PDB file of all heavy atoms in Angstrom:
ATOM      1  N   GLY A   1      78.178  86.739 133.035  1.00  0.00           N
ATOM      2  CA  GLY A   1      77.742  88.048 133.516  1.00  0.00           C
ATOM      3  C   GLY A   1      78.751  88.668 134.495  1.00  0.00           C
ATOM      4  O   GLY A   1      79.952  88.592 134.283  1.00  0.00           O
ATOM      5  N   ALA A   2      78.250  89.244 135.581  1.00  0.00           N
ATOM      6  CA  ALA A   2      79.107  89.916 136.536  1.00  0.00           C
ATOM      7  C   ALA A   2      80.076  88.996 137.242  1.00  0.00           C
ATOM      8  O   ALA A   2      81.123  89.397 137.724  1.00  0.00           O
ATOM      9  CB  ALA A   2      78.256  90.670 137.575  1.00  0.00           C
ATOM     10  N   THR A   3      79.762  87.709 137.306  1.00  0.00           N
ATOM     11  CA  THR A   3      80.637  86.748 138.017  1.00  0.00           C
ATOM     12  C   THR A   3      81.974  86.550 137.299  1.00  0.00           C
ATOM     13  O   THR A   3      82.921  86.019 137.882  1.00  0.00           O
ATOM     14  CB  THR A   3      79.964  85.379 138.167  1.00  0.00           C
ATOM     15  OG1 THR A   3      79.684  84.837 136.858  1.00  0.00           O
ATOM     16  CG2 THR A   3      78.672  85.495 138.960  1.00  0.00           C
ATOM     17  N   ALA A   4      82.083  87.015 136.036  1.00  0.00           N
ATOM     18  CA  ALA A   4      83.339  86.911 135.309  1.00  0.00           C
ATOM     19  C   ALA A   4      84.355  87.918 135.802  1.00  0.00           C
ATOM     20  O   ALA A   4      85.567  87.765 135.556  1.00  0.00           O
ATOM     21  CB  ALA A   4      83.087  87.103 133.811  1.00  0.00           C
ATOM     22  N   GLY A   5      83.885  88.974 136.494  1.00  0.00           N
ATOM     23  CA  GLY A   5      84.813  89.981 137.024  1.00  0.00           C
ATOM     24  C   GLY A   5      85.551  90.716 135.878  1.00  0.00           C
ATOM     25  O   GLY A   5      84.973  90.979 134.823  1.00  0.00           O
ATOM     26  N   VAL A   6      86.812  91.005 136.084  1.00  0.00           N
ATOM     27  CA  VAL A   6      87.593  91.748 135.097  1.00  0.00           C
ATOM     28  C   VAL A   6      87.756  90.934 133.803  1.00  0.00           C
ATOM     29  O   VAL A   6      88.052  91.516 132.738  1.00  0.00           O
ATOM     30  CB  VAL A   6      88.997  92.113 135.647  1.00  0.00           C
ATOM     31  CG1 VAL A   6      88.857  93.044 136.841  1.00  0.00           C
ATOM     32  CG2 VAL A   6      89.776  90.854 136.038  1.00  0.00           C
ATOM     33  N   TRP A   7      87.606  89.611 133.867  1.00  0.00           N
ATOM     34  CA  TRP A   7      87.789  88.783 132.725  1.00  0.00           C
ATOM     35  C   TRP A   7      86.654  88.928 131.707  1.00  0.00           C
ATOM     36  O   TRP A   7      86.809  88.523 130.541  1.00  0.00           O
ATOM     37  CB  TRP A   7      87.968  87.321 133.126  1.00  0.00           C
ATOM     38  CG  TRP A   7      89.129  87.138 134.034  1.00  0.00           C
ATOM     39  CD1 TRP A   7      89.119  86.864 135.371  1.00  0.00           C
ATOM     40  CD2 TRP A   7      90.518  87.246 133.652  1.00  0.00           C
ATOM     41  NE1 TRP A   7      90.386  86.805 135.849  1.00  0.00           N
ATOM     42  CE2 TRP A   7      91.275  87.019 134.842  1.00  0.00           C
ATOM     43  CE3 TRP A   7      91.182  87.506 132.461  1.00  0.00           C
ATOM     44  CZ2 TRP A   7      92.670  87.070 134.829  1.00  0.00           C
ATOM     45  CZ3 TRP A   7      92.557  87.553 132.459  1.00  0.00           C
ATOM     46  CH2 TRP A   7      93.299  87.338 133.630  1.00  0.00           C
ATOM     47  N   ARG A   8      85.537  89.503 132.136  1.00  0.00           N
ATOM     48  CA  ARG A   8      84.423  89.754 131.206  1.00  0.00           C
ATOM     49  C   ARG A   8      84.837  90.742 130.127  1.00  0.00           C
ATOM     50  O   ARG A   8      84.642  90.513 128.929  1.00  0.00           O
ATOM     51  CB  ARG A   8      83.216  90.251 131.978  1.00  0.00           C
ATOM     52  CG  ARG A   8      82.025  90.616 131.087  1.00  0.00           C
ATOM     53  CD  ARG A   8      80.820  91.008 131.932  1.00  0.00           C
ATOM     54  NE  ARG A   8      79.803  91.713 131.167  1.00  0.00           N
ATOM     55  CZ  ARG A   8      78.895  91.112 130.402  1.00  0.00           C
ATOM     56  NH1 ARG A   8      78.842  89.809 130.334  1.00  0.00           N
ATOM     57  NH2 ARG A   8      78.014  91.834 129.724  1.00  0.00           N
ATOM     58  N   ARG A   9      85.448  91.853 130.546  1.00  0.00           N
ATOM     59  CA  ARG A   9      85.918  92.852 129.575  1.00  0.00           C
ATOM     60  C   ARG A   9      87.120  92.298 128.787  1.00  0.00           C
ATOM     61  O   ARG A   9      87.238  92.523 127.577  1.00  0.00           O
ATOM     62  CB  ARG A   9      86.306  94.129 130.297  1.00  0.00           C
ATOM     63  CG  ARG A   9      86.730  95.269 129.357  1.00  0.00           C
ATOM     64  CD  ARG A   9      86.993  96.549 130.123  1.00  0.00           C
ATOM     65  NE  ARG A   9      85.766  97.065 130.734  1.00  0.00           N
ATOM     66  CZ  ARG A   9      84.903  97.844 130.076  1.00  0.00           C
ATOM     67  NH1 ARG A   9      85.125  98.180 128.817  1.00  0.00           N
ATOM     68  NH2 ARG A   9      83.835  98.281 130.701  1.00  0.00           N
ATOM     69  N   ALA A  10      87.990  91.546 129.474  1.00  0.00           N
ATOM     70  CA  ALA A  10      89.136  90.980 128.784  1.00  0.00           C
ATOM     71  C   ALA A  10      88.691  90.027 127.651  1.00  0.00           C
ATOM     72  O   ALA A  10      89.283  90.003 126.557  1.00  0.00           O
ATOM     73  CB  ALA A  10      90.031  90.241 129.791  1.00  0.00           C
ATOM     74  N   ALA A  11      87.631  89.265 127.928  1.00  0.00           N
ATOM     75  CA  ALA A  11      87.131  88.354 126.910  1.00  0.00           C
ATOM     76  C   ALA A  11      86.596  89.096 125.692  1.00  0.00           C
ATOM     77  O   ALA A  11      86.786  88.689 124.556  1.00  0.00           O
ATOM     78  CB  ALA A  11      86.002  87.485 127.493  1.00  0.00           C
ATOM     79  N   LEU A  12      85.933  90.241 125.925  1.00  0.00           N
ATOM     80  CA  LEU A  12      85.370  91.048 124.843  1.00  0.00           C
ATOM     81  C   LEU A  12      86.476  91.549 123.922  1.00  0.00           C
ATOM     82  O   LEU A  12      86.340  91.564 122.688  1.00  0.00           O
ATOM     83  CB  LEU A  12      84.563  92.223 125.405  1.00  0.00           C
ATOM     84  CG  LEU A  12      83.968  93.185 124.388  1.00  0.00           C
ATOM     85  CD1 LEU A  12      82.954  92.453 123.525  1.00  0.00           C
ATOM     86  CD2 LEU A  12      83.305  94.361 125.091  1.00  0.00           C
ATOM     87  N   TRP A  13      87.616  91.982 124.474  1.00  0.00           N
ATOM     88  CA  TRP A  13      88.705  92.545 123.673  1.00  0.00           C
ATOM     89  C   TRP A  13      89.566  91.460 123.069  1.00  0.00           C
ATOM     90  O   TRP A  13      90.169  91.663 121.997  1.00  0.00           O
ATOM     91  CB  TRP A  13      89.578  93.477 124.527  1.00  0.00           C
ATOM     92  CG  TRP A  13      88.891  94.774 124.868  1.00  0.00           C
ATOM     93  CD1 TRP A  13      88.268  95.080 126.052  1.00  0.00           C
ATOM     94  CD2 TRP A  13      88.662  95.873 124.011  1.00  0.00           C
ATOM     95  NE1 TRP A  13      87.700  96.347 125.989  1.00  0.00           N
ATOM     96  CE2 TRP A  13      87.937  96.847 124.718  1.00  0.00           C
ATOM     97  CE3 TRP A  13      89.003  96.154 122.695  1.00  0.00           C
ATOM     98  CZ2 TRP A  13      87.564  98.049 124.169  1.00  0.00           C
ATOM     99  CZ3 TRP A  13      88.632  97.352 122.120  1.00  0.00           C
ATOM    100  CH2 TRP A  13      87.924  98.312 122.867  1.00  0.00           C
ATOM    101  N   THR A  14      89.640  90.318 123.712  1.00  0.00           N
ATOM    102  CA  THR A  14      90.494  89.254 123.204  1.00  0.00           C
ATOM    103  C   THR A  14      89.861  88.520 122.024  1.00  0.00           C
ATOM    104  O   THR A  14      90.566  88.108 121.107  1.00  0.00           O
ATOM    105  CB  THR A  14      90.803  88.243 124.327  1.00  0.00           C
ATOM    106  OG1 THR A  14      91.369  88.923 125.449  1.00  0.00           O
ATOM    107  CG2 THR A  14      91.766  87.165 123.866  1.00  0.00           C
ATOM    108  N   ALA A  15      88.531  88.377 122.018  1.00  0.00           N
ATOM    109  CA  ALA A  15      87.857  87.604 120.974  1.00  0.00           C
ATOM    110  C   ALA A  15      88.170  88.120 119.556  1.00  0.00           C
ATOM    111  O   ALA A  15      88.586  87.302 118.690  1.00  0.00           O
ATOM    112  CB  ALA A  15      86.359  87.600 121.235  1.00  0.00           C
ATOM    113  N   PRO A  16      88.045  89.429 119.267  1.00  0.00           N
ATOM    114  CA  PRO A  16      88.377  89.872 117.907  1.00  0.00           C
ATOM    115  C   PRO A  16      89.836  89.684 117.561  1.00  0.00           C
ATOM    116  O   PRO A  16      90.190  89.466 116.394  1.00  0.00           O
ATOM    117  CB  PRO A  16      87.972  91.339 117.884  1.00  0.00           C
ATOM    118  CG  PRO A  16      87.832  91.745 119.307  1.00  0.00           C
ATOM    119  CD  PRO A  16      87.475  90.523 120.057  1.00  0.00           C
ATOM    120  N   LEU A  17      90.720  89.754 118.553  1.00  0.00           N
ATOM    121  CA  LEU A  17      92.133  89.523 118.315  1.00  0.00           C
ATOM    122  C   LEU A  17      92.367  88.066 117.895  1.00  0.00           C
ATOM    123  O   LEU A  17      93.221  87.790 117.015  1.00  0.00           O
ATOM    124  CB  LEU A  17      92.976  89.844 119.542  1.00  0.00           C
ATOM    125  CG  LEU A  17      92.994  91.322 119.992  1.00  0.00           C
ATOM    126  CD1 LEU A  17      93.771  91.475 121.307  1.00  0.00           C
ATOM    127  CD2 LEU A  17      93.636  92.172 118.879  1.00  0.00           C
ATOM    128  N   MET A  18      91.635  87.138 118.499  1.00  0.00           N
ATOM    129  CA  MET A  18      91.757  85.735 118.119  1.00  0.00           C
ATOM    130  C   MET A  18      91.321  85.528 116.658  1.00  0.00           C
ATOM    131  O   MET A  18      91.952  84.796 115.910  1.00  0.00           O
ATOM    132  CB  MET A  18      90.913  84.852 119.042  1.00  0.00           C
ATOM    133  CG  MET A  18      91.292  84.899 120.505  1.00  0.00           C
ATOM    134  SD  MET A  18      92.966  84.362 120.860  1.00  0.00           S
ATOM    135  CE  MET A  18      92.857  82.633 120.471  1.00  0.00           C
ATOM    136  N   LEU A  19      90.251  86.199 116.276  1.00  0.00           N
ATOM    137  CA  LEU A  19      89.816  86.109 114.889  1.00  0.00           C
ATOM    138  C   LEU A  19      90.822  86.732 113.940  1.00  0.00           C
ATOM    139  O   LEU A  19      91.010  86.270 112.814  1.00  0.00           O
ATOM    140  CB  LEU A  19      88.438  86.785 114.724  1.00  0.00           C
ATOM    141  CG  LEU A  19      87.267  86.145 115.467  1.00  0.00           C
ATOM    142  CD1 LEU A  19      86.005  86.981 115.307  1.00  0.00           C
ATOM    143  CD2 LEU A  19      87.018  84.733 114.947  1.00  0.00           C
ATOM    144  N   ALA A  20      91.501  87.790 114.416  1.00  0.00           N
ATOM    145  CA  ALA A  20      92.500  88.460 113.574  1.00  0.00           C
ATOM    146  C   ALA A  20      93.724  87.599 113.311  1.00  0.00           C
ATOM    147  O   ALA A  20      94.548  87.946 112.473  1.00  0.00           O
ATOM    148  CB  ALA A  20      92.896  89.775 114.211  1.00  0.00           C
ATOM    149  N   MET A  21      93.856  86.500 114.050  1.00  0.00           N
ATOM    150  CA  MET A  21      95.011  85.608 113.814  1.00  0.00           C
ATOM    151  C   MET A  21      95.001  85.024 112.394  1.00  0.00           C
ATOM    152  O   MET A  21      96.028  84.509 111.926  1.00  0.00           O
ATOM    153  CB  MET A  21      94.989  84.465 114.835  1.00  0.00           C
ATOM    154  CG  MET A  21      95.502  84.851 116.213  1.00  0.00           C
ATOM    155  SD  MET A  21      97.262  85.313 116.203  1.00  0.00           S
ATOM    156  CE  MET A  21      98.015  83.731 115.857  1.00  0.00           C
ATOM    157  N   HIS A  22      93.874  85.142 111.702  1.00  0.00           N
ATOM    158  CA  HIS A  22      93.847  84.644 110.319  1.00  0.00           C
ATOM    159  C   HIS A  22      94.807  85.458 109.422  1.00  0.00           C
ATOM    160  O   HIS A  22      95.229  84.975 108.363  1.00  0.00           O
ATOM    161  CB  HIS A  22      92.425  84.747 109.767  1.00  0.00           C
ATOM    162  CG  HIS A  22      92.269  84.067 108.445  1.00  0.00           C
ATOM    163  ND1 HIS A  22      92.268  82.664 108.298  1.00  0.00           N
ATOM    164  CD2 HIS A  22      92.122  84.549 107.179  1.00  0.00           C
ATOM    165  CE1 HIS A  22      92.115  82.389 107.023  1.00  0.00           C
ATOM    166  NE2 HIS A  22      92.014  83.479 106.316  1.00  0.00           N
ATOM    167  N   ALA A  23      95.120  86.656 109.873  1.00  0.00           N
ATOM    168  CA  ALA A  23      96.047  87.519 109.109  1.00  0.00           C
ATOM    169  C   ALA A  23      97.454  86.907 108.996  1.00  0.00           C
ATOM    170  O   ALA A  23      98.281  87.381 108.233  1.00  0.00           O
ATOM    171  CB  ALA A  23      96.123  88.902 109.738  1.00  0.00           C
ATOM    172  N   ARG A  24      97.727  85.859 109.774  1.00  0.00           N
ATOM    173  CA  ARG A  24      99.044  85.216 109.721  1.00  0.00           C
ATOM    174  C   ARG A  24      99.360  84.679 108.339  1.00  0.00           C
ATOM    175  O   ARG A  24     100.523  84.519 107.952  1.00  0.00           O
ATOM    176  CB  ARG A  24      99.149  84.105 110.743  1.00  0.00           C
ATOM    177  CG  ARG A  24      98.297  82.885 110.465  1.00  0.00           C
ATOM    178  CD  ARG A  24      98.349  81.884 111.610  1.00  0.00           C
ATOM    179  NE  ARG A  24      97.655  80.623 111.345  1.00  0.00           N
ATOM    180  CZ  ARG A  24      96.375  80.435 111.530  1.00  0.00           C
ATOM    181  NH1 ARG A  24      95.605  81.436 111.984  1.00  0.00           N
ATOM    182  NH2 ARG A  24      95.828  79.248 111.286  1.00  0.00           N
ATOM    183  N   TYR A  25      98.298  84.422 107.546  1.00  0.00           N
ATOM    184  CA  TYR A  25      98.525  83.913 106.192  1.00  0.00           C
ATOM    185  C   TYR A  25      99.018  85.010 105.242  1.00  0.00           C
ATOM    186  O   TYR A  25      99.347  84.705 104.098  1.00  0.00           O
ATOM    187  CB  TYR A  25      97.222  83.290 105.648  1.00  0.00           C
ATOM    188  CG  TYR A  25      96.839  82.006 106.357  1.00  0.00           C
ATOM    189  CD1 TYR A  25      95.738  81.939 107.166  1.00  0.00           C
ATOM    190  CD2 TYR A  25      97.600  80.849 106.208  1.00  0.00           C
ATOM    191  CE1 TYR A  25      95.380  80.749 107.831  1.00  0.00           C
ATOM    192  CE2 TYR A  25      97.272  79.667 106.842  1.00  0.00           C
ATOM    193  CZ  TYR A  25      96.146  79.620 107.635  1.00  0.00           C
ATOM    194  OH  TYR A  25      95.795  78.444 108.281  1.00  0.00           O
ATOM    195  N   HIS A  26      99.023  86.250 105.729  1.00  0.00           N
ATOM    196  CA  HIS A  26      99.457  87.386 104.867  1.00  0.00           C
ATOM    197  C   HIS A  26     100.669  88.101 105.495  1.00  0.00           C
ATOM    198  O   HIS A  26     100.862  89.286 105.223  1.00  0.00           O
ATOM    199  CB  HIS A  26      98.280  88.344 104.680  1.00  0.00           C
ATOM    200  CG  HIS A  26      97.040  87.706 104.196  1.00  0.00           C
ATOM    201  ND1 HIS A  26      96.856  87.271 102.898  1.00  0.00           N
ATOM    202  CD2 HIS A  26      95.880  87.346 104.866  1.00  0.00           C
ATOM    203  CE1 HIS A  26      95.669  86.725 102.767  1.00  0.00           C
ATOM    204  NE2 HIS A  26      95.059  86.741 103.930  1.00  0.00           N
ATOM    205  N   MET A  27     101.438  87.390 106.255  1.00  0.00           N
ATOM    206  CA  MET A  27     102.582  88.002 106.945  1.00  0.00           C
ATOM    207  C   MET A  27     103.596  88.583 105.962  1.00  0.00           C
ATOM    208  O   MET A  27     104.214  89.651 106.211  1.00  0.00           O
ATOM    209  CB  MET A  27     103.289  86.963 107.821  1.00  0.00           C
ATOM    210  CG  MET A  27     102.460  86.469 108.988  1.00  0.00           C
ATOM    211  SD  MET A  27     102.554  87.510 110.442  1.00  0.00           S
ATOM    212  CE  MET A  27     104.173  87.095 111.059  1.00  0.00           C
ATOM    213  N   ASP A  28     103.731  87.931 104.807  1.00  0.00           N
ATOM    214  CA  ASP A  28     104.742  88.363 103.836  1.00  0.00           C
ATOM    215  C   ASP A  28     104.356  89.666 103.142  1.00  0.00           C
ATOM    216  O   ASP A  28     105.171  90.270 102.425  1.00  0.00           O
ATOM    217  CB  ASP A  28     104.971  87.282 102.800  1.00  0.00           C
ATOM    218  CG  ASP A  28     103.693  86.879 102.095  1.00  0.00           C
ATOM    219  OD1 ASP A  28     102.614  87.053 102.657  1.00  0.00           O
ATOM    220  OD2 ASP A  28     103.786  86.370 100.957  1.00  0.00           O
ATOM    221  N   LYS A  29     103.109  90.141 103.345  1.00  0.00           N
ATOM    222  CA  LYS A  29     102.651  91.370 102.691  1.00  0.00           C
ATOM    223  C   LYS A  29     102.522  92.550 103.658  1.00  0.00           C
ATOM    224  O   LYS A  29     101.961  93.574 103.292  1.00  0.00           O
ATOM    225  CB  LYS A  29     101.285  91.111 102.040  1.00  0.00           C
ATOM    226  CG  LYS A  29     101.309  89.998 101.007  1.00  0.00           C
ATOM    227  CD  LYS A  29      99.906  89.741 100.445  1.00  0.00           C
ATOM    228  CE  LYS A  29      99.907  88.591  99.456  1.00  0.00           C
ATOM    229  NZ  LYS A  29      98.535  88.269  98.996  1.00  0.00           N
ATOM    230  N   MET A  30     103.059  92.413 104.860  1.00  0.00           N
ATOM    231  CA  MET A  30     102.863  93.436 105.904  1.00  0.00           C
ATOM    232  C   MET A  30     103.926  94.520 105.895  1.00  0.00           C
ATOM    233  O   MET A  30     103.809  95.492 106.629  1.00  0.00           O
ATOM    234  CB  MET A  30     102.797  92.772 107.283  1.00  0.00           C
ATOM    235  CG  MET A  30     101.515  91.934 107.429  1.00  0.00           C
ATOM    236  SD  MET A  30     101.306  91.296 109.104  1.00  0.00           S
ATOM    237  CE  MET A  30      99.775  90.417 108.939  1.00  0.00           C
ATOM    238  N   GLY A  31     104.971  94.367 105.112  1.00  0.00           N
ATOM    239  CA  GLY A  31     105.980  95.411 104.958  1.00  0.00           C
ATOM    240  C   GLY A  31     106.552  95.863 106.292  1.00  0.00           C
ATOM    241  O   GLY A  31     107.067  95.072 107.092  1.00  0.00           O
ATOM    242  N   GLY A  32     106.417  97.167 106.567  1.00  0.00           N
ATOM    243  CA  GLY A  32     106.995  97.765 107.780  1.00  0.00           C
ATOM    244  C   GLY A  32     106.316  97.302 109.047  1.00  0.00           C
ATOM    245  O   GLY A  32     106.879  97.500 110.148  1.00  0.00           O
ATOM    246  N   PHE A  33     105.121  96.724 108.946  1.00  0.00           N
ATOM    247  CA  PHE A  33     104.415  96.240 110.146  1.00  0.00           C
ATOM    248  C   PHE A  33     104.840  94.825 110.517  1.00  0.00           C
ATOM    249  O   PHE A  33     104.379  94.269 111.512  1.00  0.00           O
ATOM    250  CB  PHE A  33     102.906  96.253 109.902  1.00  0.00           C
ATOM    251  CG  PHE A  33     102.318  97.611 109.735  1.00  0.00           C
ATOM    252  CD1 PHE A  33     102.061  98.133 108.491  1.00  0.00           C
ATOM    253  CD2 PHE A  33     102.033  98.416 110.843  1.00  0.00           C
ATOM    254  CE1 PHE A  33     101.546  99.396 108.328  1.00  0.00           C
ATOM    255  CE2 PHE A  33     101.514  99.693 110.706  1.00  0.00           C
ATOM    256  CZ  PHE A  33     101.270 100.203 109.430  1.00  0.00           C
ATOM    257  N   ARG A  34     105.743  94.216 109.748  1.00  0.00           N
ATOM    258  CA  ARG A  34     106.123  92.831 110.003  1.00  0.00           C
ATOM    259  C   ARG A  34     106.728  92.633 111.391  1.00  0.00           C
ATOM    260  O   ARG A  34     106.385  91.634 112.082  1.00  0.00           O
ATOM    261  CB  ARG A  34     107.110  92.380 108.904  1.00  0.00           C
ATOM    262  CG  ARG A  34     107.581  90.925 109.072  1.00  0.00           C
ATOM    263  CD  ARG A  34     106.401  89.940 109.016  1.00  0.00           C
ATOM    264  NE  ARG A  34     106.833  88.586 109.283  1.00  0.00           N
ATOM    265  CZ  ARG A  34     107.107  87.678 108.366  1.00  0.00           C
ATOM    266  NH1 ARG A  34     107.015  87.998 107.075  1.00  0.00           N
ATOM    267  NH2 ARG A  34     107.461  86.481 108.695  1.00  0.00           N
TER     268      ARG A  34
END
């Protein structure tokens, strides 16, 4: 809850990015975004 301070919001934004790491298996298809 509130005791997390600024890290509460940071955790919310970081979690989906961690899940997005699965995209590493498709690095060769990213073209200009590589």
